[in-house]
Amino acid sequence: MKKWSCILLSLALTLACCAAFAEETDGDSLTRLGLEAGDAGDYAKTREYWEQAAEKGSARAVADLGYLYENGYGVEKDEAKAMEYYRRAADLGFAGALTEMAYMYSYGLGVEQDYEKAWEYLVKAVDDESTAADACFMLGQLYMGATAWSRTMKRLPISS
C-alpha cells in the first residue's frame, strides 16, 4: 500500500510540474515573459520570447515584434519590417495593429505616407472596443490638425 502511495504521489507531482511548464510556454505566457524581459531592458530575451509566442499563434506577440523593429529595441531599426509585422498581426485579428499601421501610414514610416490608408485603418480600429478610444483620438487628431488632410477629408466618409 505504501509503495502505491509513493507512486501516485510521484505521478501527481510530475503532472503538476508538466502543467506548470505548459502554462509558461503558451503564447500568452511567452508574450508576458517578453514584456517582463523588456521592462528589465533585456530586449534580446524579449525578442526571443515574442518570436516563440508568434510561432504559437499569438497575434499580440507578432505586433510586439513590429514595435521592436519600429523603435530599434534589441534589433536594427527597420520600419518596413515593423509594418510587415503589424500587417501580419492585423491579419491574425489583433486590432491594436490597425492603429499602429495607421500611425505608420500617417507619418510615412516604412511605407509611403498615405493619409487615406491611415484613415481607413483607424475606421476599422474603431469597431473593436479594445482600440476604439485610441482610434477615435487619432482620427480626431488627423482631422483637426493635419493640413495635408484638407483635400482628403472631402472624399472620406465622415459622419456628421
Protein backbone atom coordinates (compact mmCIF):
# COMPACT_ATOMS: atom_id res chain seq x y z
CA MET A 1 0.00 0.00 0.00
CA LYS A 2 2.83 2.37 0.92
CA LYS A 3 4.52 1.64 -2.44
CA TRP A 4 1.36 2.66 -4.37
CA SER A 5 1.04 5.85 -2.36
CA CYS A 6 4.60 6.84 -3.28
CA ILE A 7 3.99 6.04 -6.95
CA LEU A 8 0.76 8.05 -7.03
CA LEU A 9 2.39 10.99 -5.24
CA SER A 10 5.31 10.94 -7.69
CA LEU A 11 2.92 10.83 -10.63
CA ALA A 12 0.87 13.72 -9.24
CA LEU A 13 3.99 15.87 -8.74
CA THR A 14 5.23 15.07 -12.25
CA LEU A 15 1.89 16.06 -13.77
CA ALA A 16 1.80 19.27 -11.73
CA CYS A 17 5.28 20.23 -12.93
CA CYS A 18 4.37 19.47 -16.54
CA ALA A 19 1.21 21.57 -16.25
CA ALA A 20 3.17 24.49 -14.80
CA PHE A 21 5.73 24.25 -17.61
CA ALA A 22 2.97 24.11 -20.23
CA GLU A 23 1.40 27.28 -18.82
CA GLU A 24 4.70 29.12 -19.17
CA THR A 25 5.13 28.07 -22.79
CA ASP A 26 1.78 29.05 -24.30
CA GLY A 27 1.62 32.16 -26.49
CA ASP A 28 0.11 34.45 -23.88
CA SER A 29 2.61 33.43 -21.20
CA LEU A 30 5.52 33.86 -23.56
CA THR A 31 4.21 37.30 -24.54
CA ARG A 32 4.02 38.25 -20.85
CA LEU A 33 7.55 36.96 -20.25
CA GLY A 34 8.71 39.08 -23.19
CA LEU A 35 7.12 42.16 -21.63
CA GLU A 36 8.87 41.44 -18.34
CA ALA A 37 12.22 41.00 -20.08
CA GLY A 38 11.67 44.29 -21.92
CA ASP A 39 10.88 46.07 -18.66
CA ALA A 40 14.23 44.79 -17.39
CA GLY A 41 15.96 46.10 -20.54
CA ASP A 42 16.79 42.65 -21.95
CA TYR A 43 15.49 43.16 -25.48
CA ALA A 44 17.29 40.12 -26.87
CA LYS A 45 15.31 37.94 -24.45
CA THR A 46 12.16 39.94 -25.23
CA ARG A 47 12.56 39.20 -28.92
CA GLU A 48 13.23 35.53 -28.22
CA TYR A 49 10.05 35.17 -26.15
CA TRP A 50 7.93 37.08 -28.66
CA GLU A 51 9.24 35.05 -31.59
CA GLN A 52 8.29 31.86 -29.73
CA ALA A 53 4.87 33.28 -28.88
CA ALA A 54 4.34 34.34 -32.51
CA GLU A 55 5.15 30.78 -33.64
CA LYS A 56 2.42 29.60 -31.28
CA GLY A 57 -0.08 31.95 -32.94
CA SER A 58 -0.05 34.96 -30.62
CA ALA A 59 -1.14 37.92 -32.74
CA ARG A 60 -0.18 40.28 -29.91
CA ALA A 61 3.38 38.94 -29.96
CA VAL A 62 3.56 39.50 -33.72
CA ALA A 63 2.54 43.14 -33.22
CA ASP A 64 5.02 43.47 -30.37
CA LEU A 65 7.80 42.26 -32.67
CA GLY A 66 6.77 45.06 -35.01
CA TYR A 67 7.20 47.51 -32.14
CA LEU A 68 10.77 46.27 -31.56
CA TYR A 69 11.64 46.84 -35.22
CA GLU A 70 9.85 50.19 -35.40
CA ASN A 71 11.88 51.52 -32.48
CA GLY A 72 15.12 49.54 -32.84
CA TYR A 73 14.90 47.83 -29.44
CA GLY A 74 17.32 44.89 -29.47
CA VAL A 75 17.24 44.80 -33.28
CA GLU A 76 18.35 47.05 -36.08
CA LYS A 77 15.63 49.66 -36.61
CA ASP A 78 13.62 48.67 -39.68
CA GLU A 79 10.29 50.44 -40.13
CA ALA A 80 9.40 48.46 -43.26
CA LYS A 81 9.87 45.20 -41.34
CA ALA A 82 7.82 46.65 -38.47
CA MET A 83 5.00 47.33 -40.92
CA GLU A 84 5.16 43.71 -42.14
CA TYR A 85 4.72 42.51 -38.56
CA TYR A 86 1.82 44.91 -37.97
CA ARG A 87 0.09 43.70 -41.14
CA ARG A 88 0.53 40.08 -40.08
CA ALA A 89 -0.83 40.83 -36.61
CA ALA A 90 -3.84 42.61 -38.11
CA ASP A 91 -4.45 39.62 -40.40
CA LEU A 92 -4.39 37.41 -37.30
CA GLY A 93 -7.09 39.60 -35.75
CA PHE A 94 -5.13 41.85 -33.39
CA ALA A 95 -6.93 45.20 -33.62
CA GLY A 96 -4.09 47.09 -31.94
CA ALA A 97 -2.05 46.52 -35.09
CA LEU A 98 -4.55 48.62 -37.04
CA THR A 99 -3.75 51.74 -35.04
CA GLU A 100 -0.03 51.05 -35.42
CA MET A 101 -0.44 50.72 -39.18
CA ALA A 102 -2.43 53.95 -39.29
CA TYR A 103 0.35 55.71 -37.39
CA MET A 104 2.96 54.35 -39.80
CA TYR A 105 0.95 55.49 -42.82
CA SER A 106 0.19 58.92 -41.39
CA TYR A 107 3.89 59.65 -40.88
CA GLY A 108 5.28 57.65 -43.81
CA LEU A 109 7.29 55.29 -41.60
CA GLY A 110 8.35 52.21 -43.54
CA VAL A 111 5.70 52.97 -46.17
CA GLU A 112 4.83 55.84 -48.42
CA GLN A 113 2.84 58.43 -46.49
CA ASP A 114 -0.84 57.84 -47.23
CA TYR A 115 -3.47 59.64 -45.17
CA GLU A 116 -6.34 57.78 -46.78
CA LYS A 117 -4.90 54.40 -45.75
CA ALA A 118 -4.25 55.74 -42.26
CA TRP A 119 -7.87 56.88 -42.08
CA GLU A 120 -9.17 53.51 -43.34
CA TYR A 121 -7.21 51.58 -40.71
CA LEU A 122 -8.41 53.88 -37.94
CA VAL A 123 -12.03 53.50 -39.04
CA LYS A 124 -11.57 49.70 -38.83
CA ALA A 125 -9.95 50.03 -35.40
CA VAL A 126 -12.93 52.00 -34.08
CA ASP A 127 -15.06 48.86 -34.50
CA ASP A 128 -13.06 46.97 -31.85
CA GLU A 129 -13.71 48.02 -28.26
CA SER A 130 -10.07 47.37 -27.30
CA THR A 131 -8.83 50.04 -29.72
CA ALA A 132 -11.87 52.29 -30.18
CA ALA A 133 -10.73 55.05 -27.83
CA ASP A 134 -7.23 55.28 -29.31
CA ALA A 135 -8.57 55.13 -32.85
CA CYS A 136 -11.13 57.88 -32.19
CA PHE A 137 -8.45 60.06 -30.63
CA MET A 138 -6.14 59.53 -33.60
CA LEU A 139 -8.96 60.22 -36.06
CA GLY A 140 -9.66 63.48 -34.27
CA GLN A 141 -6.01 64.45 -34.33
CA LEU A 142 -5.73 63.77 -38.02
CA TYR A 143 -8.99 65.52 -38.81
CA MET A 144 -8.30 68.63 -36.75
CA GLY A 145 -4.56 69.03 -37.06
CA ALA A 146 -3.29 67.78 -40.38
CA THR A 147 -3.40 70.49 -43.03
CA ALA A 148 -2.46 67.89 -45.63
CA TRP A 149 -5.78 66.22 -44.87
CA SER A 150 -7.88 69.12 -46.10
CA ARG A 151 -8.31 67.73 -49.63
CA THR A 152 -8.58 64.12 -48.45
CA MET A 153 -11.30 64.81 -45.88
CA LYS A 154 -13.73 65.91 -48.56
CA ARG A 155 -13.61 62.42 -50.07
CA LEU A 156 -13.66 60.28 -46.92
CA PRO A 157 -16.84 59.12 -45.17
CA ILE A 158 -17.06 61.34 -42.09
CA SER A 159 -20.32 61.08 -40.21
CA SER A 160 -21.86 64.40 -39.25
